[in-house]
Amino acid sequence: MLHTFDLLPEGDKQELASEILRRSLALDIPALSDEQLAVAAEELFLQLDRNEAADAS
Protein backbone atom coordinates (compact mmCIF):
# COMPACT_ATOMS: atom_id res chain seq x y z
CA MET A 1 0.00 0.00 0.00
CA LEU A 2 2.79 2.42 0.88
CA HIS A 3 4.58 1.76 -2.40
CA THR A 4 1.38 2.58 -4.27
CA PHE A 5 0.95 5.71 -2.15
CA ASP A 6 4.50 6.80 -3.04
CA LEU A 7 3.63 6.54 -6.74
CA LEU A 8 0.69 8.96 -6.46
CA PRO A 9 0.97 12.59 -7.58
CA GLU A 10 1.55 15.02 -4.69
CA GLY A 11 -2.02 16.37 -4.75
CA ASP A 12 -3.48 12.87 -4.51
CA LYS A 13 -1.09 12.01 -1.67
CA GLN A 14 -2.27 15.06 0.26
CA GLU A 15 -5.94 14.23 -0.30
CA LEU A 16 -5.48 10.60 0.73
CA ALA A 17 -3.43 11.48 3.81
CA SER A 18 -6.04 14.02 4.84
CA GLU A 19 -8.85 11.49 4.48
CA ILE A 20 -6.93 8.85 6.45
CA LEU A 21 -6.33 11.34 9.26
CA ARG A 22 -10.00 12.37 9.25
CA ARG A 23 -11.17 8.77 9.51
CA SER A 24 -8.52 7.94 12.13
CA LEU A 25 -10.06 10.44 14.53
CA ALA A 26 -13.07 8.12 14.87
CA LEU A 27 -10.94 5.13 15.95
CA ASP A 28 -10.55 4.21 19.60
CA ILE A 29 -6.75 4.22 19.67
CA PRO A 30 -4.87 4.58 22.96
CA ALA A 31 -2.55 7.56 23.30
CA LEU A 32 1.12 7.05 22.47
CA SER A 33 3.65 7.10 25.27
CA ASP A 34 6.38 9.74 25.37
CA GLU A 35 8.88 7.08 24.31
CA GLN A 36 6.76 6.05 21.32
CA LEU A 37 6.40 9.69 20.27
CA ALA A 38 10.16 10.24 20.58
CA VAL A 39 10.92 7.18 18.44
CA ALA A 40 8.39 8.27 15.80
CA ALA A 41 9.83 11.81 15.75
CA GLU A 42 13.36 10.46 15.39
CA GLU A 43 12.33 8.23 12.48
CA LEU A 44 10.56 11.15 10.81
CA PHE A 45 13.55 13.48 11.15
CA LEU A 46 15.94 10.80 9.87
CA GLN A 47 13.71 10.28 6.82
CA LEU A 48 13.55 14.03 6.22
CA ASP A 49 17.36 14.18 6.40
CA ARG A 50 17.62 11.33 3.86
CA ASN A 51 15.16 13.09 1.55
CA GLU A 52 17.05 16.37 1.85
CA ALA A 53 20.37 14.64 1.11
CA ALA A 54 18.88 12.90 -1.92
CA ASP A 55 17.46 16.17 -3.23
CA ALA A 56 20.85 17.89 -2.84
CA SER A 57 22.64 15.33 -5.00
PDB file of N, CA and C in Angstrom:
ATOM      1  N   MET A   1       0.813  -1.181   0.000  1.00  0.00           N
ATOM      2  CA  MET A   1       0.000   0.000   0.000  1.00  0.00           C
ATOM      3  C   MET A   1       0.867   1.260   0.000  1.00  0.00           C
ATOM      4  N   LEU A   2       1.929   1.239   0.804  1.00  0.00           N
ATOM      5  CA  LEU A   2       2.789   2.415   0.883  1.00  0.00           C
ATOM      6  C   LEU A   2       3.519   2.660  -0.430  1.00  0.00           C
ATOM      7  N   HIS A   3       3.918   1.593  -1.096  1.00  0.00           N
ATOM      8  CA  HIS A   3       4.580   1.755  -2.398  1.00  0.00           C
ATOM      9  C   HIS A   3       3.621   2.423  -3.382  1.00  0.00           C
ATOM     10  N   THR A   4       2.383   1.981  -3.398  1.00  0.00           N
ATOM     11  CA  THR A   4       1.375   2.580  -4.274  1.00  0.00           C
ATOM     12  C   THR A   4       1.152   4.041  -3.907  1.00  0.00           C
ATOM     13  N   PHE A   5       1.104   4.338  -2.610  1.00  0.00           N
ATOM     14  CA  PHE A   5       0.952   5.711  -2.148  1.00  0.00           C
ATOM     15  C   PHE A   5       2.102   6.571  -2.668  1.00  0.00           C
ATOM     16  N   ASP A   6       3.321   6.051  -2.593  1.00  0.00           N
ATOM     17  CA  ASP A   6       4.501   6.797  -3.040  1.00  0.00           C
ATOM     18  C   ASP A   6       4.440   7.128  -4.531  1.00  0.00           C
ATOM     19  N   LEU A   7       3.725   6.326  -5.302  1.00  0.00           N
ATOM     20  CA  LEU A   7       3.627   6.541  -6.743  1.00  0.00           C
ATOM     21  C   LEU A   7       2.584   7.592  -7.121  1.00  0.00           C
ATOM     22  N   LEU A   8       1.741   7.982  -6.180  1.00  0.00           N
ATOM     23  CA  LEU A   8       0.695   8.960  -6.457  1.00  0.00           C
ATOM     24  C   LEU A   8       1.277  10.356  -6.684  1.00  0.00           C
ATOM     25  N   PRO A   9       0.578  11.180  -7.475  1.00  0.00           N
ATOM     26  CA  PRO A   9       0.974  12.591  -7.576  1.00  0.00           C
ATOM     27  C   PRO A   9       0.807  13.276  -6.222  1.00  0.00           C
ATOM     28  N   GLU A  10       1.557  14.345  -5.996  1.00  0.00           N
ATOM     29  CA  GLU A  10       1.548  15.023  -4.688  1.00  0.00           C
ATOM     30  C   GLU A  10       0.143  15.417  -4.233  1.00  0.00           C
ATOM     31  N   GLY A  11      -0.667  15.950  -5.122  1.00  0.00           N
ATOM     32  CA  GLY A  11      -2.021  16.366  -4.753  1.00  0.00           C
ATOM     33  C   GLY A  11      -2.859  15.199  -4.257  1.00  0.00           C
ATOM     34  N   ASP A  12      -2.744  14.064  -4.922  1.00  0.00           N
ATOM     35  CA  ASP A  12      -3.481  12.871  -4.506  1.00  0.00           C
ATOM     36  C   ASP A  12      -2.974  12.352  -3.164  1.00  0.00           C
ATOM     37  N   LYS A  13      -1.652  12.426  -2.961  1.00  0.00           N
ATOM     38  CA  LYS A  13      -1.086  12.013  -1.670  1.00  0.00           C
ATOM     39  C   LYS A  13      -1.672  12.852  -0.539  1.00  0.00           C
ATOM     40  N   GLN A  14      -1.740  14.162  -0.768  1.00  0.00           N
ATOM     41  CA  GLN A  14      -2.270  15.056   0.265  1.00  0.00           C
ATOM     42  C   GLN A  14      -3.737  14.767   0.554  1.00  0.00           C
ATOM     43  N   GLU A  15      -4.521  14.546  -0.489  1.00  0.00           N
ATOM     44  CA  GLU A  15      -5.940  14.233  -0.303  1.00  0.00           C
ATOM     45  C   GLU A  15      -6.120  12.925   0.461  1.00  0.00           C
ATOM     46  N   LEU A  16      -5.368  11.903   0.080  1.00  0.00           N
ATOM     47  CA  LEU A  16      -5.477  10.604   0.733  1.00  0.00           C
ATOM     48  C   LEU A  16      -5.038  10.675   2.190  1.00  0.00           C
ATOM     49  N   ALA A  17      -3.922  11.341   2.441  1.00  0.00           N
ATOM     50  CA  ALA A  17      -3.432  11.475   3.813  1.00  0.00           C
ATOM     51  C   ALA A  17      -4.447  12.220   4.669  1.00  0.00           C
ATOM     52  N   SER A  18      -5.034  13.252   4.115  1.00  0.00           N
ATOM     53  CA  SER A  18      -6.037  14.023   4.842  1.00  0.00           C
ATOM     54  C   SER A  18      -7.250  13.163   5.185  1.00  0.00           C
ATOM     55  N   GLU A  19      -7.688  12.363   4.246  1.00  0.00           N
ATOM     56  CA  GLU A  19      -8.847  11.490   4.475  1.00  0.00           C
ATOM     57  C   GLU A  19      -8.520  10.418   5.512  1.00  0.00           C
ATOM     58  N   ILE A  20      -7.333   9.860   5.459  1.00  0.00           N
ATOM     59  CA  ILE A  20      -6.935   8.849   6.449  1.00  0.00           C
ATOM     60  C   ILE A  20      -6.907   9.464   7.837  1.00  0.00           C
ATOM     61  N   LEU A  21      -6.357  10.662   7.956  1.00  0.00           N
ATOM     62  CA  LEU A  21      -6.332  11.340   9.258  1.00  0.00           C
ATOM     63  C   LEU A  21      -7.745  11.620   9.759  1.00  0.00           C
ATOM     64  N   ARG A  22      -8.619  12.078   8.866  1.00  0.00           N
ATOM     65  CA  ARG A  22      -9.998  12.372   9.253  1.00  0.00           C
ATOM     66  C   ARG A  22     -10.683  11.124   9.787  1.00  0.00           C
ATOM     67  N   ARG A  23     -10.529  10.025   9.086  1.00  0.00           N
ATOM     68  CA  ARG A  23     -11.166   8.765   9.505  1.00  0.00           C
ATOM     69  C   ARG A  23     -10.524   8.207  10.773  1.00  0.00           C
ATOM     70  N   SER A  24      -9.234   8.451  10.950  1.00  0.00           N
ATOM     71  CA  SER A  24      -8.522   7.940  12.127  1.00  0.00           C
ATOM     72  C   SER A  24      -9.030   8.564  13.423  1.00  0.00           C
ATOM     73  N   LEU A  25      -9.549   9.771  13.338  1.00  0.00           N
ATOM     74  CA  LEU A  25     -10.062  10.438  14.532  1.00  0.00           C
ATOM     75  C   LEU A  25     -11.201   9.656  15.172  1.00  0.00           C
ATOM     76  N   ALA A  26     -11.931   8.881  14.374  1.00  0.00           N
ATOM     77  CA  ALA A  26     -13.074   8.119  14.874  1.00  0.00           C
ATOM     78  C   ALA A  26     -12.655   6.796  15.534  1.00  0.00           C
ATOM     79  N   LEU A  27     -11.408   6.402  15.377  1.00  0.00           N
ATOM     80  CA  LEU A  27     -10.941   5.131  15.945  1.00  0.00           C
ATOM     81  C   LEU A  27     -10.636   5.288  17.433  1.00  0.00           C
ATOM     82  N   ASP A  28     -10.852   4.217  18.164  1.00  0.00           N
ATOM     83  CA  ASP A  28     -10.550   4.210  19.597  1.00  0.00           C
ATOM     84  C   ASP A  28      -9.128   3.688  19.784  1.00  0.00           C
ATOM     85  N   ILE A  29      -8.162   4.586  19.594  1.00  0.00           N
ATOM     86  CA  ILE A  29      -6.748   4.223  19.670  1.00  0.00           C
ATOM     87  C   ILE A  29      -6.161   4.828  20.935  1.00  0.00           C
ATOM     88  N   PRO A  30      -5.471   4.019  21.741  1.00  0.00           N
ATOM     89  CA  PRO A  30      -4.871   4.576  22.960  1.00  0.00           C
ATOM     90  C   PRO A  30      -3.777   5.586  22.623  1.00  0.00           C
ATOM     91  N   ALA A  31      -3.572   6.533  23.499  1.00  0.00           N
ATOM     92  CA  ALA A  31      -2.548   7.563  23.301  1.00  0.00           C
ATOM     93  C   ALA A  31      -1.161   6.927  23.289  1.00  0.00           C
ATOM     94  N   LEU A  32      -0.258   7.527  22.513  1.00  0.00           N
ATOM     95  CA  LEU A  32       1.123   7.052  22.466  1.00  0.00           C
ATOM     96  C   LEU A  32       1.873   7.526  23.706  1.00  0.00           C
ATOM     97  N   SER A  33       2.802   6.708  24.141  1.00  0.00           N
ATOM     98  CA  SER A  33       3.647   7.100  25.272  1.00  0.00           C
ATOM     99  C   SER A  33       4.678   8.119  24.793  1.00  0.00           C
ATOM    100  N   ASP A  34       5.321   8.792  25.724  1.00  0.00           N
ATOM    101  CA  ASP A  34       6.379   9.740  25.373  1.00  0.00           C
ATOM    102  C   ASP A  34       7.492   9.053  24.596  1.00  0.00           C
ATOM    103  N   GLU A  35       7.820   7.827  25.000  1.00  0.00           N
ATOM    104  CA  GLU A  35       8.876   7.081  24.311  1.00  0.00           C
ATOM    105  C   GLU A  35       8.473   6.771  22.874  1.00  0.00           C
ATOM    106  N   GLN A  36       7.230   6.342  22.665  1.00  0.00           N
ATOM    107  CA  GLN A  36       6.758   6.048  21.318  1.00  0.00           C
ATOM    108  C   GLN A  36       6.774   7.306  20.447  1.00  0.00           C
ATOM    109  N   LEU A  37       6.372   8.431  21.012  1.00  0.00           N
ATOM    110  CA  LEU A  37       6.397   9.685  20.272  1.00  0.00           C
ATOM    111  C   LEU A  37       7.822  10.088  19.915  1.00  0.00           C
ATOM    112  N   ALA A  38       8.762   9.900  20.831  1.00  0.00           N
ATOM    113  CA  ALA A  38      10.158  10.243  20.585  1.00  0.00           C
ATOM    114  C   ALA A  38      10.737   9.372  19.469  1.00  0.00           C
ATOM    115  N   VAL A  39      10.437   8.088  19.484  1.00  0.00           N
ATOM    116  CA  VAL A  39      10.919   7.181  18.438  1.00  0.00           C
ATOM    117  C   VAL A  39      10.328   7.577  17.083  1.00  0.00           C
ATOM    118  N   ALA A  40       9.039   7.873  17.048  1.00  0.00           N
ATOM    119  CA  ALA A  40       8.390   8.272  15.801  1.00  0.00           C
ATOM    120  C   ALA A  40       8.987   9.572  15.272  1.00  0.00           C
ATOM    121  N   ALA A  41       9.235  10.531  16.159  1.00  0.00           N
ATOM    122  CA  ALA A  41       9.830  11.808  15.747  1.00  0.00           C
ATOM    123  C   ALA A  41      11.234  11.580  15.200  1.00  0.00           C
ATOM    124  N   GLU A  42      12.011  10.740  15.855  1.00  0.00           N
ATOM    125  CA  GLU A  42      13.363  10.462  15.386  1.00  0.00           C
ATOM    126  C   GLU A  42      13.337   9.832  14.000  1.00  0.00           C
ATOM    127  N   GLU A  43      12.436   8.868  13.788  1.00  0.00           N
ATOM    128  CA  GLU A  43      12.326   8.230  12.479  1.00  0.00           C
ATOM    129  C   GLU A  43      11.925   9.243  11.410  1.00  0.00           C
ATOM    130  N   LEU A  44      11.005  10.134  11.748  1.00  0.00           N
ATOM    131  CA  LEU A  44      10.563  11.153  10.807  1.00  0.00           C
ATOM    132  C   LEU A  44      11.709  12.082  10.440  1.00  0.00           C
ATOM    133  N   PHE A  45      12.455  12.576  11.426  1.00  0.00           N
ATOM    134  CA  PHE A  45      13.554  13.480  11.147  1.00  0.00           C
ATOM    135  C   PHE A  45      14.661  12.800  10.355  1.00  0.00           C
ATOM    136  N   LEU A  46      14.930  11.524  10.640  1.00  0.00           N
ATOM    137  CA  LEU A  46      15.937  10.805   9.865  1.00  0.00           C
ATOM    138  C   LEU A  46      15.501  10.664   8.409  1.00  0.00           C
ATOM    139  N   GLN A  47      14.216  10.388   8.183  1.00  0.00           N
ATOM    140  CA  GLN A  47      13.707  10.281   6.815  1.00  0.00           C
ATOM    141  C   GLN A  47      13.781  11.627   6.104  1.00  0.00           C
ATOM    142  N   LEU A  48      13.452  12.696   6.816  1.00  0.00           N
ATOM    143  CA  LEU A  48      13.553  14.029   6.224  1.00  0.00           C
ATOM    144  C   LEU A  48      15.003  14.356   5.844  1.00  0.00           C
ATOM    145  N   ASP A  49      15.946  13.976   6.701  1.00  0.00           N
ATOM    146  CA  ASP A  49      17.360  14.177   6.400  1.00  0.00           C
ATOM    147  C   ASP A  49      17.769  13.398   5.151  1.00  0.00           C
ATOM    148  N   ARG A  50      17.301  12.153   5.042  1.00  0.00           N
ATOM    149  CA  ARG A  50      17.618  11.332   3.855  1.00  0.00           C
ATOM    150  C   ARG A  50      17.024  11.972   2.609  1.00  0.00           C
ATOM    151  N   ASN A  51      15.789  12.451   2.697  1.00  0.00           N
ATOM    152  CA  ASN A  51      15.157  13.090   1.548  1.00  0.00           C
ATOM    153  C   ASN A  51      15.913  14.340   1.140  1.00  0.00           C
ATOM    154  N   GLU A  52      16.315  15.138   2.115  1.00  0.00           N
ATOM    155  CA  GLU A  52      17.052  16.371   1.846  1.00  0.00           C
ATOM    156  C   GLU A  52      18.402  16.054   1.194  1.00  0.00           C
ATOM    157  N   ALA A  53      19.080  15.040   1.687  1.00  0.00           N
ATOM    158  CA  ALA A  53      20.366  14.645   1.114  1.00  0.00           C
ATOM    159  C   ALA A  53      20.193  14.146  -0.324  1.00  0.00           C
ATOM    160  N   ALA A  54      19.142  13.405  -0.572  1.00  0.00           N
ATOM    161  CA  ALA A  54      18.880  12.901  -1.921  1.00  0.00           C
ATOM    162  C   ALA A  54      18.552  14.041  -2.878  1.00  0.00           C
ATOM    163  N   ASP A  55      17.817  15.036  -2.395  1.00  0.00           N
ATOM    164  CA  ASP A  55      17.461  16.171  -3.229  1.00  0.00           C
ATOM    165  C   ASP A  55      18.676  17.039  -3.556  1.00  0.00           C
ATOM    166  N   ALA A  56      19.662  17.063  -2.647  1.00  0.00           N
ATOM    167  CA  ALA A  56      20.852  17.885  -2.837  1.00  0.00           C
ATOM    168  C   ALA A  56      21.811  17.269  -3.860  1.00  0.00           C
ATOM    169  N   SER A  57      21.697  15.973  -4.073  1.00  0.00           N
ATOM    170  CA  SER A  57      22.638  15.329  -5.001  1.00  0.00           C
ATOM    171  C   SER A  57      22.104  15.209  -6.396  1.00  0.00           C
TER     172      SER A  57
END
